[in-house]
């Protein structure tokens, strides 16, 4: 465990809640951390760096009050930074993360050693999301502390590789923290991720349907009604392949012909037009098939604990009865 994230054994469950564009905010992060799992959010969910800092202060202050009042230790929180030249806020937001000593940074669209060094300067950790071995190798060279393996069926910008194969392939050369993403909706799924060799499960879509998320009621309802086949994998929205709820694509007027082209739709020249598109074109993973309710984070975590424990106990019984 010497190369693994030190907080893993302090969590109520080995879960990192994914930073979801437009969906994750202080309320969701705080409730996740209070209930013993890692809560995260994208820095760009705030329209400005000033607003981003306000969120950091709110999260840190609230979690400290929680710890002082209850005597319980909250799980660490994290921030997602888009590490790409097209992100004009990267430098300013990175400085704020260093200033406020954000425990965990999740980097996307580039693994840059200078960013890793800046976070390491105060003892923070950096996890980087990847969809294939080549990306993982580059991130490992940059010195990241963990790799988020975004496997087939995950919400958002997902890969196409089976999670079993992806975990096994990465573990051949990487001995630090492995976080698995893709269709993880239940406690049993979390246990399965660990059995595959991951250290942590990365859950996004399941937490859209919590009362603390910033999702609309219509979005949550569509998730409840969706099955695995109601998710479309396309590059039409952002230019990078991602999974979206098919019904939301149809409602936005995107046709089968648009999707067959599999190239980004021209939403206009304004900087925030793609963000506006994501407000009505809703991302979700194939794990929607197992989501049929909308609950507070506290209830969801308790349910996940029960499912996780039950699945582990079942496996122990199988092992005990297995021929010697």
Protein backbone atom coordinates (compact mmCIF):
# COMPACT_ATOMS: atom_id res chain seq x y z
CA UNK A 1 0.00 0.00 0.00
CA UNK A 2 3.02 2.32 0.12
CA UNK A 3 2.34 3.71 -3.36
CA UNK A 4 -1.40 4.02 -2.83
CA UNK A 5 -3.36 7.13 -1.81
CA UNK A 6 -3.07 7.28 2.01
CA UNK A 7 -6.72 8.19 2.53
CA UNK A 8 -8.13 4.98 1.02
CA UNK A 9 -8.38 3.07 4.29
CA UNK A 10 -10.02 6.04 6.02
CA UNK A 11 -13.04 6.09 3.69
CA UNK A 12 -16.45 4.66 4.56
CA UNK A 13 -16.41 3.09 1.10
CA UNK A 14 -13.67 3.07 -1.58
CA UNK A 15 -15.48 5.60 -3.76
CA UNK A 16 -14.55 8.83 -5.51
CA UNK A 17 -17.56 10.76 -6.78
CA UNK A 18 -16.70 12.00 -10.25
CA UNK A 19 -16.55 15.73 -11.05
CA UNK A 20 -19.55 16.17 -13.34
CA UNK A 21 -19.84 19.15 -15.67
CA UNK A 22 -22.67 21.46 -14.54
CA UNK A 23 -23.86 18.85 -12.02
CA UNK A 24 -21.32 18.82 -9.18
CA UNK A 25 -21.28 21.72 -6.74
CA UNK A 26 -20.52 22.46 -3.09
CA UNK A 27 -23.65 20.76 -1.72
CA UNK A 28 -22.88 17.46 -3.43
CA UNK A 29 -19.18 17.59 -2.55
CA UNK A 30 -19.83 18.42 1.10
CA UNK A 31 -22.42 15.68 1.60
CA UNK A 32 -20.17 13.09 -0.02
CA UNK A 33 -17.26 14.04 2.23
CA UNK A 34 -19.45 14.08 5.34
CA UNK A 35 -20.58 10.56 4.51
CA UNK A 36 -17.08 9.22 4.10
CA UNK A 37 -16.50 9.19 0.34
CA UNK A 38 -14.47 11.58 -1.80
CA UNK A 39 -16.48 14.43 -3.32
CA UNK A 40 -15.18 16.38 -6.33
CA UNK A 41 -16.25 19.10 -8.75
CA UNK A 42 -14.90 20.74 -11.93
CA UNK A 43 -13.35 24.18 -11.38
CA UNK A 44 -15.15 25.32 -14.54
CA UNK A 45 -18.55 24.69 -12.96
CA UNK A 46 -18.03 28.16 -11.57
CA UNK A 47 -18.09 30.86 -14.23
CA UNK A 48 -15.05 32.69 -12.83
CA UNK A 49 -11.93 32.05 -10.77
CA UNK A 50 -13.34 34.37 -8.12
CA UNK A 51 -16.44 32.22 -7.87
CA UNK A 52 -14.30 29.10 -7.85
CA UNK A 53 -12.41 30.38 -4.81
CA UNK A 54 -15.70 31.12 -3.04
CA UNK A 55 -16.68 27.47 -3.52
CA UNK A 56 -13.34 26.28 -2.17
CA UNK A 57 -13.77 28.42 0.94
CA UNK A 58 -17.36 27.22 1.42
CA UNK A 59 -16.38 23.56 1.16
CA UNK A 60 -13.36 23.87 3.47
CA UNK A 61 -15.26 25.92 6.06
CA UNK A 62 -18.29 23.64 6.13
CA UNK A 63 -16.23 20.45 6.40
CA UNK A 64 -14.14 21.92 9.22
CA UNK A 65 -17.31 22.89 11.11
CA UNK A 66 -18.60 19.35 10.58
CA UNK A 67 -15.41 17.84 12.00
CA UNK A 68 -15.32 20.27 14.94
CA UNK A 69 -18.97 19.61 15.77
CA UNK A 70 -19.12 15.84 15.33
CA UNK A 71 -15.56 14.77 16.05
CA UNK A 72 -15.69 12.74 12.83
CA UNK A 73 -13.18 13.10 10.04
CA UNK A 74 -14.58 14.08 6.68
CA UNK A 75 -13.27 12.44 3.51
CA UNK A 76 -10.98 14.60 1.36
CA UNK A 77 -12.43 16.63 -1.51
CA UNK A 78 -11.07 17.20 -4.98
CA UNK A 79 -11.14 19.57 -7.93
CA UNK A 80 -11.04 18.73 -11.63
CA UNK A 81 -8.75 20.92 -13.74
CA UNK A 82 -8.76 20.88 -17.54
CA UNK A 83 -5.03 20.83 -18.28
CA UNK A 84 -5.12 21.99 -21.88
CA UNK A 85 -3.98 25.18 -23.65
CA UNK A 86 -7.59 25.97 -24.55
CA UNK A 87 -8.45 26.48 -20.86
CA UNK A 88 -7.68 30.17 -20.19
CA UNK A 89 -8.29 29.76 -16.46
CA UNK A 90 -5.82 26.95 -15.79
CA UNK A 91 -3.05 29.11 -14.32
CA UNK A 92 -5.38 31.14 -12.10
CA UNK A 93 -7.36 28.13 -10.89
CA UNK A 94 -4.19 26.13 -10.25
CA UNK A 95 -2.83 28.94 -8.08
CA UNK A 96 -6.06 28.89 -6.06
CA UNK A 97 -5.79 25.13 -5.58
CA UNK A 98 -2.27 25.59 -4.25
CA UNK A 99 -3.35 28.53 -2.05
CA UNK A 100 -6.16 26.51 -0.48
CA UNK A 101 -4.21 23.24 -0.49
CA UNK A 102 -6.91 21.21 -2.22
CA UNK A 103 -6.25 17.59 -1.13
CA UNK A 104 -6.93 15.99 -4.52
CA UNK A 105 -6.64 17.31 -8.06
CA UNK A 106 -8.12 15.41 -10.99
CA UNK A 107 -6.52 16.40 -14.30
CA UNK A 108 -8.08 15.94 -17.72
CA UNK A 109 -6.95 16.47 -21.30
CA UNK A 110 -3.27 16.48 -20.53
CA UNK A 111 -0.86 15.27 -17.86
CA UNK A 112 1.65 18.04 -17.20
CA UNK A 113 4.54 17.51 -14.79
CA UNK A 114 4.56 21.21 -13.79
CA UNK A 115 0.96 20.91 -12.59
CA UNK A 116 1.81 17.73 -10.70
CA UNK A 117 4.82 19.42 -9.09
CA UNK A 118 2.69 22.41 -8.01
CA UNK A 119 0.19 20.13 -6.26
CA UNK A 120 2.92 18.01 -4.71
CA UNK A 121 4.53 21.16 -3.28
CA UNK A 122 1.97 21.21 -0.44
CA UNK A 123 1.33 17.47 -0.21
CA UNK A 124 -1.68 17.23 -2.52
CA UNK A 125 -2.39 14.26 -4.79
CA UNK A 126 -3.02 14.20 -8.53
CA UNK A 127 -5.22 11.64 -10.28
CA UNK A 128 -5.39 11.71 -14.07
CA UNK A 129 -8.16 10.24 -16.24
CA UNK A 130 -7.24 8.03 -19.19
CA UNK A 131 -9.04 5.81 -21.69
CA UNK A 132 -6.08 3.87 -23.10
CA UNK A 133 -2.60 2.60 -22.26
CA UNK A 134 -0.71 5.31 -24.17
CA UNK A 135 -2.42 8.05 -22.14
CA UNK A 136 -1.65 6.14 -18.94
CA UNK A 137 2.03 5.86 -19.79
CA UNK A 138 2.31 9.60 -20.40
CA UNK A 139 0.53 10.39 -17.14
CA UNK A 140 2.79 8.00 -15.24
CA UNK A 141 5.83 9.79 -16.70
CA UNK A 142 4.39 13.09 -15.45
CA UNK A 143 4.39 11.68 -11.92
CA UNK A 144 0.68 11.48 -11.15
CA UNK A 145 -0.37 9.64 -7.99
CA UNK A 146 -3.30 7.78 -9.50
CA UNK A 147 -4.88 6.87 -12.81
CA UNK A 148 -8.63 7.03 -13.42
CA UNK A 149 -9.44 4.34 -15.95
CA UNK A 150 -12.51 5.50 -17.86
CA UNK A 151 -13.75 2.26 -19.34
CA UNK A 152 -16.53 1.41 -21.78
CA UNK A 153 -20.01 2.57 -20.80
CA UNK A 154 -18.95 5.39 -18.47
CA UNK A 155 -20.77 8.70 -18.51
CA UNK A 156 -19.17 11.72 -20.14
CA UNK A 157 -15.99 11.34 -22.19
CA UNK A 158 -15.61 7.59 -21.98
CA UNK A 159 -13.37 5.05 -23.64
CA UNK A 160 -14.32 1.82 -25.37
CA UNK A 161 -12.11 -0.75 -23.61
CA UNK A 162 -13.59 -3.39 -21.33
CA UNK A 163 -12.82 -2.56 -17.68
CA UNK A 164 -11.31 -5.98 -16.91
CA UNK A 165 -8.83 -5.66 -19.75
CA UNK A 166 -8.07 -2.01 -19.06
CA UNK A 167 -7.29 -2.56 -15.38
CA UNK A 168 -5.12 -5.61 -16.09
CA UNK A 169 -3.21 -3.83 -18.85
CA UNK A 170 -2.45 -0.74 -16.75
CA UNK A 171 -1.47 -2.72 -13.67
CA UNK A 172 1.31 -4.41 -15.65
CA UNK A 173 3.38 -1.23 -15.45
CA UNK A 174 1.67 1.05 -12.90
CA UNK A 175 1.76 0.31 -9.15
CA UNK A 176 0.16 3.46 -7.77
CA UNK A 177 -3.56 4.10 -7.14
CA UNK A 178 -5.95 2.70 -9.75
CA UNK A 179 -9.46 4.18 -9.91
CA UNK A 180 -12.01 2.47 -12.16
CA UNK A 181 -14.85 4.25 -13.93
CA UNK A 182 -17.64 2.79 -16.03
CA UNK A 183 -21.18 1.60 -15.22
CA UNK A 184 -20.61 1.52 -11.45
CA UNK A 185 -24.03 2.08 -9.86
CA UNK A 186 -24.29 -0.29 -6.90
CA UNK A 187 -22.25 -1.47 -3.93
CA UNK A 188 -21.82 -4.79 -5.72
CA UNK A 189 -20.28 -2.90 -8.64
CA UNK A 190 -17.84 -1.23 -6.23
CA UNK A 191 -16.81 -4.64 -4.90
CA UNK A 192 -16.41 -5.90 -8.48
CA UNK A 193 -14.10 -2.97 -9.27
CA UNK A 194 -11.86 -4.00 -6.37
CA UNK A 195 -11.88 -7.63 -7.48
CA UNK A 196 -10.71 -6.52 -10.93
CA UNK A 197 -7.72 -4.89 -9.28
CA UNK A 198 -8.81 -1.29 -8.77
CA UNK A 199 -8.20 0.51 -5.48
CA UNK A 200 -11.17 2.86 -5.78
CA UNK A 201 -14.44 3.04 -7.71
CA UNK A 202 -15.25 6.23 -9.63
CA UNK A 203 -19.00 6.95 -9.62
CA UNK A 204 -20.66 9.71 -11.59
CA UNK A 205 -24.05 8.89 -13.08
CA UNK A 206 -25.38 7.31 -9.87
CA UNK A 207 -24.80 10.62 -8.04
CA UNK A 208 -26.69 12.69 -10.61
CA UNK A 209 -29.82 11.23 -9.02
CA UNK A 210 -29.12 12.59 -5.56
CA UNK A 211 -31.01 15.47 -4.02
CA UNK A 212 -27.78 17.44 -3.61
CA UNK A 213 -26.74 17.37 -7.27
CA UNK A 214 -27.37 20.37 -9.52
CA UNK A 215 -29.31 18.29 -12.05
CA UNK A 216 -32.82 19.29 -13.03
CA UNK A 217 -35.80 17.14 -12.12
CA UNK A 218 -36.26 16.37 -15.82
CA UNK A 219 -32.69 15.10 -16.06
CA UNK A 220 -33.10 12.84 -13.04
CA UNK A 221 -36.42 11.52 -14.34
CA UNK A 222 -34.87 10.66 -17.70
CA UNK A 223 -32.16 8.65 -15.92
CA UNK A 224 -34.78 6.70 -13.94
CA UNK A 225 -36.63 5.86 -17.16
CA UNK A 226 -33.51 4.93 -19.16
CA UNK A 227 -31.93 1.56 -19.80
CA UNK A 228 -28.44 0.73 -21.04
CA UNK A 229 -29.58 0.87 -24.66
CA UNK A 230 -30.91 4.41 -24.13
CA UNK A 231 -27.37 5.82 -24.02
CA UNK A 232 -25.67 7.07 -27.20
CA UNK A 233 -21.89 7.24 -27.70
CA UNK A 234 -21.08 10.16 -29.98
CA UNK A 235 -18.55 12.89 -30.76
CA UNK A 236 -21.30 15.18 -32.05
CA UNK A 237 -21.58 17.33 -28.91
CA UNK A 238 -18.00 18.14 -27.91
CA UNK A 239 -15.87 16.73 -30.69
CA UNK A 240 -14.71 13.96 -28.33
CA UNK A 241 -16.68 10.74 -27.95
CA UNK A 242 -18.94 10.76 -24.91
CA UNK A 243 -22.08 9.02 -23.68
CA UNK A 244 -25.38 10.90 -23.62
CA UNK A 245 -28.99 10.06 -22.89
CA UNK A 246 -30.54 9.34 -26.27
CA UNK A 247 -33.82 11.00 -25.31
CA UNK A 248 -32.07 14.29 -24.57
CA UNK A 249 -30.34 14.22 -27.97
CA UNK A 250 -33.68 13.68 -29.64
CA UNK A 251 -35.32 16.45 -27.59
CA UNK A 252 -32.54 18.84 -28.69
CA UNK A 253 -33.37 18.17 -32.33
CA UNK A 254 -30.25 16.12 -33.08
CA UNK A 255 -31.10 13.63 -35.79
CA UNK A 256 -29.80 10.18 -36.65
CA UNK A 257 -28.07 11.76 -39.63
CA UNK A 258 -26.22 14.17 -37.32
CA UNK A 259 -25.07 11.27 -35.17
CA UNK A 260 -23.93 9.18 -38.15
CA UNK A 261 -21.48 11.94 -39.11
CA UNK A 262 -19.90 11.49 -35.66
CA UNK A 263 -18.27 14.94 -35.77
CA UNK A 264 -18.94 17.95 -33.59
CA UNK A 265 -22.09 19.85 -34.40
CA UNK A 266 -21.50 23.56 -35.03
CA UNK A 267 -23.17 25.25 -32.05
CA UNK A 268 -21.87 28.68 -33.06
CA UNK A 269 -18.81 30.78 -32.31
CA UNK A 270 -19.65 31.96 -28.80
CA UNK A 271 -17.38 30.57 -26.10
CA UNK A 272 -20.15 29.18 -23.95
CA UNK A 273 -22.33 27.61 -26.63
CA UNK A 274 -21.09 24.08 -25.90
CA UNK A 275 -21.78 24.62 -22.21
CA UNK A 276 -25.29 25.71 -23.12
CA UNK A 277 -25.69 22.55 -25.18
CA UNK A 278 -24.72 20.37 -22.19
CA UNK A 279 -27.49 22.01 -20.17
CA UNK A 280 -30.11 20.30 -22.32
CA UNK A 281 -28.12 17.41 -23.81
CA UNK A 282 -27.54 15.24 -20.79
CA UNK A 283 -24.61 12.93 -20.22
CA UNK A 284 -24.99 9.58 -18.49
CA UNK A 285 -23.35 6.17 -18.50
CA UNK A 286 -24.88 2.78 -19.21
CA UNK A 287 -25.18 2.31 -15.46
CA UNK A 288 -28.53 4.16 -15.71
CA UNK A 289 -30.02 0.70 -16.13
CA UNK A 290 -29.65 0.18 -12.36
CA UNK A 291 -30.86 3.59 -11.18
CA UNK A 292 -34.54 3.87 -10.29
CA UNK A 293 -34.70 6.48 -7.53
CA UNK A 294 -33.66 9.95 -6.36
CA UNK A 295 -32.27 10.00 -2.83
CA UNK A 296 -30.12 12.11 -0.50
CA UNK A 297 -26.39 11.34 -0.59
CA UNK A 298 -26.58 9.99 2.96
CA UNK A 299 -29.21 7.41 1.97
CA UNK A 300 -27.34 6.44 -1.17
CA UNK A 301 -24.09 5.87 0.71
CA UNK A 302 -25.85 3.70 3.30
CA UNK A 303 -27.45 1.66 0.52
CA UNK A 304 -24.08 1.26 -1.19
CA UNK A 305 -22.52 0.10 2.08
CA UNK A 306 -25.19 -2.57 2.52
CA UNK A 307 -24.80 -3.80 -1.06
CA UNK A 308 -21.01 -3.75 -0.85
CA UNK A 309 -20.91 -5.72 2.40
CA UNK A 310 -23.49 -8.23 1.16
CA UNK A 311 -21.58 -8.92 -2.05
CA UNK A 312 -18.30 -9.42 -0.17
CA UNK A 313 -19.97 -11.81 2.27
CA UNK A 314 -21.38 -13.80 -0.65
CA UNK A 315 -17.92 -14.15 -2.14
CA UNK A 316 -16.48 -15.27 1.18
CA UNK A 317 -19.11 -18.01 1.37
CA UNK A 318 -18.23 -19.13 -2.15
CA UNK A 319 -14.55 -19.26 -1.17
CA UNK A 320 -15.30 -21.20 2.01
CA UNK A 321 -17.30 -23.79 0.07
CA UNK A 322 -14.81 -24.04 -2.77
CA UNK A 323 -13.09 -27.44 -2.99
CA UNK A 324 -9.74 -27.45 -1.22
